Amino acid sequence: MLENLKSLSQKKKLSLINKDTKIIVFKSRANDNSLRKIVEKFDIIIDGSDNFKTKLLLNKFSILFKKKFISGAISRYDGHLFNFDFKSKKGPCLKCFYQSVPSDEIFNCESEGILGTTASIIGNFQANEAIKFIVGIKNNLNSHILILDLLNLKFRKVFFKKRKNCICA
């Protein structure tokens, strides 16, 4: 059963590209307990999950452990990119933006579809934000969302504030 995990397949492919890269595969489903243990171990959490429950759990534990949290979301030609640094208590979190939990039944990859190029662009932007954090570049998306409409080639950077009754307050 574990041989079929996407993460193991990706590890094999990435190891062929660079044998010196250390890749850790977590063989458990994303849930409260497993994500708590994973997030605690790392400085930067980059979210490429495909459901809001996992995104919000990563947000919660990134806040708890004061981590850098970079989250991306895609659907067809549209992409969203968030960047949060929870060492500072000044900025908002993902829950401040999604004030109620969006329905995975309405927003899901199976019904909406995804475009590989959209996923690639959002993933590259996430990696770019992580690199800027690692090398100390302060010009980042903190407290903003980057909204990409790749069908019409429109990009918007929108500021949003911390909500008073949010888990990050």
C-alpha atoms as a PDB file:
ATOM      1  CA  MET A   1       0.000   0.000   0.000  1.00  0.00           C
ATOM      2  CA  LEU A   2       2.742   2.483   0.929  1.00  0.00           C
ATOM      3  CA  GLU A   3       4.474   1.969  -2.424  1.00  0.00           C
ATOM      4  CA  ASN A   4       1.599   3.865  -4.031  1.00  0.00           C
ATOM      5  CA  LEU A   5       2.128   7.067  -2.035  1.00  0.00           C
ATOM      6  CA  LYS A   6       2.652  10.138  -4.215  1.00  0.00           C
ATOM      7  CA  SER A   7       5.407  11.251  -1.870  1.00  0.00           C
ATOM      8  CA  LEU A   8       7.417   8.041  -2.349  1.00  0.00           C
ATOM      9  CA  SER A   9       7.069   8.305  -6.118  1.00  0.00           C
ATOM     10  CA  GLN A  10       8.305  11.898  -6.020  1.00  0.00           C
ATOM     11  CA  LYS A  11      11.207  10.964  -3.750  1.00  0.00           C
ATOM     12  CA  LYS A  12      12.358   8.371  -6.304  1.00  0.00           C
ATOM     13  CA  LYS A  13      12.152  10.881  -9.161  1.00  0.00           C
ATOM     14  CA  LEU A  14      13.936  13.641  -7.238  1.00  0.00           C
ATOM     15  CA  SER A  15      16.662  11.269  -6.054  1.00  0.00           C
ATOM     16  CA  LEU A  16      17.447  10.446  -9.690  1.00  0.00           C
ATOM     17  CA  ILE A  17      17.953  14.153 -10.379  1.00  0.00           C
ATOM     18  CA  ASN A  18      20.137  14.802  -7.337  1.00  0.00           C
ATOM     19  CA  LYS A  19      21.348  11.894  -5.185  1.00  0.00           C
ATOM     20  CA  ASP A  20      22.821  14.285  -2.589  1.00  0.00           C
ATOM     21  CA  THR A  21      19.446  15.794  -1.668  1.00  0.00           C
ATOM     22  CA  LYS A  22      18.038  14.625   1.654  1.00  0.00           C
ATOM     23  CA  ILE A  23      14.328  13.874   1.222  1.00  0.00           C
ATOM     24  CA  ILE A  24      12.157  12.910   4.179  1.00  0.00           C
ATOM     25  CA  VAL A  25       8.857  11.175   3.428  1.00  0.00           C
ATOM     26  CA  PHE A  26       6.128  11.204   6.052  1.00  0.00           C
ATOM     27  CA  LYS A  27       3.974   8.108   5.617  1.00  0.00           C
ATOM     28  CA  SER A  28       0.920   9.289   7.526  1.00  0.00           C
ATOM     29  CA  ARG A  29      -2.258  11.070   6.574  1.00  0.00           C
ATOM     30  CA  ALA A  30      -2.377  14.779   7.273  1.00  0.00           C
ATOM     31  CA  ASN A  31      -4.241  15.188  10.542  1.00  0.00           C
ATOM     32  CA  ASP A  32      -3.985  17.158  13.778  1.00  0.00           C
ATOM     33  CA  ASN A  33      -1.434  14.826  15.370  1.00  0.00           C
ATOM     34  CA  SER A  34       0.788  14.166  12.342  1.00  0.00           C
ATOM     35  CA  LEU A  35       0.951  17.805  11.205  1.00  0.00           C
ATOM     36  CA  ARG A  36       1.749  19.015  14.729  1.00  0.00           C
ATOM     37  CA  LYS A  37       4.818  16.722  14.782  1.00  0.00           C
ATOM     38  CA  ILE A  38       5.923  17.699  11.278  1.00  0.00           C
ATOM     39  CA  VAL A  39       5.507  21.480  11.546  1.00  0.00           C
ATOM     40  CA  GLU A  40       7.391  21.594  14.842  1.00  0.00           C
ATOM     41  CA  LYS A  41      10.568  20.231  13.145  1.00  0.00           C
ATOM     42  CA  PHE A  42      10.956  22.758  10.319  1.00  0.00           C
ATOM     43  CA  ASP A  43      11.588  26.513   9.951  1.00  0.00           C
ATOM     44  CA  ILE A  44       9.565  27.048   6.772  1.00  0.00           C
ATOM     45  CA  ILE A  45       6.281  25.327   5.981  1.00  0.00           C
ATOM     46  CA  ILE A  46       5.365  25.365   2.280  1.00  0.00           C
ATOM     47  CA  ASP A  47       1.791  24.256   1.710  1.00  0.00           C
ATOM     48  CA  GLY A  48       0.883  22.593  -1.559  1.00  0.00           C
ATOM     49  CA  SER A  49      -2.070  20.659  -0.171  1.00  0.00           C
ATOM     50  CA  ASP A  50      -5.296  20.239  -2.087  1.00  0.00           C
ATOM     51  CA  ASN A  51      -7.850  20.760   0.692  1.00  0.00           C
ATOM     52  CA  PHE A  52      -8.756  23.512   3.130  1.00  0.00           C
ATOM     53  CA  LYS A  53      -8.721  21.298   6.231  1.00  0.00           C
ATOM     54  CA  THR A  54      -5.008  20.582   5.733  1.00  0.00           C
ATOM     55  CA  LYS A  55      -4.235  24.213   4.834  1.00  0.00           C
ATOM     56  CA  LEU A  56      -5.921  25.463   8.004  1.00  0.00           C
ATOM     57  CA  LEU A  57      -4.191  22.852  10.176  1.00  0.00           C
ATOM     58  CA  LEU A  58      -0.810  23.886   8.737  1.00  0.00           C
ATOM     59  CA  ASN A  59      -1.765  27.510   9.433  1.00  0.00           C
ATOM     60  CA  LYS A  60      -2.732  26.649  13.035  1.00  0.00           C
ATOM     61  CA  PHE A  61       0.509  24.790  13.810  1.00  0.00           C
ATOM     62  CA  SER A  62       2.649  27.369  12.020  1.00  0.00           C
ATOM     63  CA  ILE A  63       1.141  29.979  14.366  1.00  0.00           C
ATOM     64  CA  LEU A  64       1.631  27.731  17.408  1.00  0.00           C
ATOM     65  CA  PHE A  65       5.308  27.052  16.631  1.00  0.00           C
ATOM     66  CA  LYS A  66       5.999  30.545  15.192  1.00  0.00           C
ATOM     67  CA  LYS A  67       7.001  29.286  11.749  1.00  0.00           C
ATOM     68  CA  LYS A  68       7.213  30.824   8.299  1.00  0.00           C
ATOM     69  CA  PHE A  69       4.141  29.610   6.365  1.00  0.00           C
ATOM     70  CA  ILE A  70       3.846  29.895   2.583  1.00  0.00           C
ATOM     71  CA  SER A  71       0.550  28.667   1.175  1.00  0.00           C
ATOM     72  CA  GLY A  72      -0.567  28.297  -2.406  1.00  0.00           C
ATOM     73  CA  ALA A  73      -3.899  27.390  -3.947  1.00  0.00           C
ATOM     74  CA  ILE A  74      -4.827  26.720  -7.550  1.00  0.00           C
ATOM     75  CA  SER A  75      -7.866  26.071  -9.694  1.00  0.00           C
ATOM     76  CA  ARG A  76      -7.773  25.965 -13.479  1.00  0.00           C
ATOM     77  CA  TYR A  77      -6.031  29.219 -14.550  1.00  0.00           C
ATOM     78  CA  ASP A  78      -6.291  30.874 -11.124  1.00  0.00           C
ATOM     79  CA  GLY A  79      -3.772  30.872  -8.321  1.00  0.00           C
ATOM     80  CA  HIS A  80      -3.436  32.395  -4.857  1.00  0.00           C
ATOM     81  CA  LEU A  81      -0.229  32.834  -2.911  1.00  0.00           C
ATOM     82  CA  PHE A  82       0.095  33.725   0.784  1.00  0.00           C
ATOM     83  CA  ASN A  83       3.216  34.310   2.878  1.00  0.00           C
ATOM     84  CA  PHE A  84       3.090  34.545   6.680  1.00  0.00           C
ATOM     85  CA  ASP A  85       5.863  34.946   9.250  1.00  0.00           C
ATOM     86  CA  PHE A  86       4.457  34.008  12.645  1.00  0.00           C
ATOM     87  CA  LYS A  87       7.561  35.027  14.605  1.00  0.00           C
ATOM     88  CA  SER A  88       5.904  38.432  14.500  1.00  0.00           C
ATOM     89  CA  LYS A  89       2.437  38.626  16.000  1.00  0.00           C
ATOM     90  CA  LYS A  90       1.562  41.691  13.912  1.00  0.00           C
ATOM     91  CA  GLY A  91       0.345  40.101  10.687  1.00  0.00           C
ATOM     92  CA  PRO A  92      -2.750  38.113   9.755  1.00  0.00           C
ATOM     93  CA  CYS A  93      -3.024  34.407   9.022  1.00  0.00           C
ATOM     94  CA  LEU A  94      -4.815  32.231   6.494  1.00  0.00           C
ATOM     95  CA  LYS A  95      -7.898  32.054   8.736  1.00  0.00           C
ATOM     96  CA  CYS A  96      -8.126  35.865   8.668  1.00  0.00           C
ATOM     97  CA  PHE A  97      -8.537  35.644   4.898  1.00  0.00           C
ATOM     98  CA  TYR A  98     -10.835  32.615   4.795  1.00  0.00           C
ATOM     99  CA  GLN A  99     -13.125  33.806   7.571  1.00  0.00           C
ATOM    100  CA  SER A 100     -15.263  30.698   7.164  1.00  0.00           C
ATOM    101  CA  VAL A 101     -13.886  27.389   5.985  1.00  0.00           C
ATOM    102  CA  PRO A 102     -14.449  27.058   2.225  1.00  0.00           C
ATOM    103  CA  SER A 103     -16.142  23.854   1.164  1.00  0.00           C
ATOM    104  CA  ASP A 104     -13.822  21.277  -0.396  1.00  0.00           C
ATOM    105  CA  GLU A 105     -16.902  19.952  -2.186  1.00  0.00           C
ATOM    106  CA  ILE A 106     -17.275  23.265  -4.033  1.00  0.00           C
ATOM    107  CA  PHE A 107     -13.569  24.087  -4.441  1.00  0.00           C
ATOM    108  CA  ASN A 108     -11.784  20.894  -5.359  1.00  0.00           C
ATOM    109  CA  CYS A 109      -9.384  19.774  -8.032  1.00  0.00           C
ATOM    110  CA  GLU A 110     -11.672  17.032  -9.337  1.00  0.00           C
ATOM    111  CA  SER A 111     -14.629  19.283 -10.152  1.00  0.00           C
ATOM    112  CA  GLU A 112     -12.727  22.482 -10.945  1.00  0.00           C
ATOM    113  CA  GLY A 113      -9.725  20.935 -12.633  1.00  0.00           C
ATOM    114  CA  ILE A 114      -6.161  22.183 -12.487  1.00  0.00           C
ATOM    115  CA  LEU A 115      -3.703  23.210 -15.130  1.00  0.00           C
ATOM    116  CA  GLY A 116      -0.138  21.984 -14.743  1.00  0.00           C
ATOM    117  CA  THR A 117       1.298  25.361 -15.671  1.00  0.00           C
ATOM    118  CA  THR A 118      -0.778  27.078 -12.961  1.00  0.00           C
ATOM    119  CA  ALA A 119       0.526  24.613 -10.368  1.00  0.00           C
ATOM    120  CA  SER A 120       4.070  25.127 -11.614  1.00  0.00           C
ATOM    121  CA  ILE A 121       3.873  28.914 -11.454  1.00  0.00           C
ATOM    122  CA  ILE A 122       2.389  28.968  -7.932  1.00  0.00           C
ATOM    123  CA  GLY A 123       4.960  26.381  -6.789  1.00  0.00           C
ATOM    124  CA  ASN A 124       7.796  28.469  -8.220  1.00  0.00           C
ATOM    125  CA  PHE A 125       6.455  31.612  -6.538  1.00  0.00           C
ATOM    126  CA  GLN A 126       6.297  29.698  -3.238  1.00  0.00           C
ATOM    127  CA  ALA A 127       9.903  28.566  -3.671  1.00  0.00           C
ATOM    128  CA  ASN A 128      10.905  32.149  -4.498  1.00  0.00           C
ATOM    129  CA  GLU A 129       9.285  33.432  -1.287  1.00  0.00           C
ATOM    130  CA  ALA A 130      11.137  30.744   0.708  1.00  0.00           C
ATOM    131  CA  ILE A 131      14.475  31.654  -0.897  1.00  0.00           C
ATOM    132  CA  LYS A 132      13.904  35.356  -0.119  1.00  0.00           C
ATOM    133  CA  PHE A 133      13.252  34.435   3.523  1.00  0.00           C
ATOM    134  CA  ILE A 134      16.360  32.227   3.730  1.00  0.00           C
ATOM    135  CA  VAL A 135      18.683  34.897   2.301  1.00  0.00           C
ATOM    136  CA  GLY A 136      17.101  37.690   4.356  1.00  0.00           C
ATOM    137  CA  ILE A 137      15.262  39.694   1.707  1.00  0.00           C
ATOM    138  CA  LYS A 138      12.476  41.596   3.468  1.00  0.00           C
ATOM    139  CA  ASN A 139      10.435  42.424   0.352  1.00  0.00           C
ATOM    140  CA  ASN A 140       7.829  39.649   0.552  1.00  0.00           C
ATOM    141  CA  LEU A 141       4.086  39.033   0.491  1.00  0.00           C
ATOM    142  CA  ASN A 142       3.575  39.153   4.260  1.00  0.00           C
ATOM    143  CA  SER A 143       0.009  40.374   5.035  1.00  0.00           C
ATOM    144  CA  HIS A 144      -0.891  40.200   1.336  1.00  0.00           C
ATOM    145  CA  ILE A 145      -2.360  37.727  -1.089  1.00  0.00           C
ATOM    146  CA  LEU A 146      -1.061  37.495  -4.629  1.00  0.00           C
ATOM    147  CA  ILE A 147      -3.942  36.635  -6.959  1.00  0.00           C
ATOM    148  CA  LEU A 148      -3.035  35.315 -10.391  1.00  0.00           C
ATOM    149  CA  ASP A 149      -5.431  35.075 -13.324  1.00  0.00           C
ATOM    150  CA  LEU A 150      -3.295  33.267 -15.862  1.00  0.00           C
ATOM    151  CA  LEU A 151      -6.033  33.073 -18.462  1.00  0.00           C
ATOM    152  CA  ASN A 152      -6.098  36.882 -18.779  1.00  0.00           C
ATOM    153  CA  LEU A 153      -2.527  37.419 -17.500  1.00  0.00           C
ATOM    154  CA  LYS A 154      -3.642  39.599 -14.583  1.00  0.00           C
ATOM    155  CA  PHE A 155      -1.849  39.755 -11.247  1.00  0.00           C
ATOM    156  CA  ARG A 156      -3.102  41.540  -8.123  1.00  0.00           C
ATOM    157  CA  LYS A 157      -1.430  41.994  -4.766  1.00  0.00           C
ATOM    158  CA  VAL A 158      -4.052  42.650  -2.084  1.00  0.00           C
ATOM    159  CA  PHE A 159      -3.415  43.684   1.536  1.00  0.00           C
ATOM    160  CA  PHE A 160      -5.560  42.177   4.280  1.00  0.00           C
ATOM    161  CA  LYS A 161      -5.624  42.716   8.042  1.00  0.00           C
ATOM    162  CA  LYS A 162      -5.606  40.505  11.081  1.00  0.00           C
ATOM    163  CA  ARG A 163      -9.118  39.849  12.408  1.00  0.00           C
ATOM    164  CA  LYS A 164      -9.727  40.597  16.087  1.00  0.00           C
ATOM    165  CA  ASN A 165     -11.220  37.223  17.012  1.00  0.00           C
ATOM    166  CA  CYS A 166      -8.920  35.074  14.905  1.00  0.00           C
ATOM    167  CA  ILE A 167      -6.674  32.298  16.206  1.00  0.00           C
ATOM    168  CA  CYS A 168      -3.624  34.462  15.378  1.00  0.00           C
ATOM    169  CA  ALA A 169      -4.804  37.455  17.463  1.00  0.00           C
END
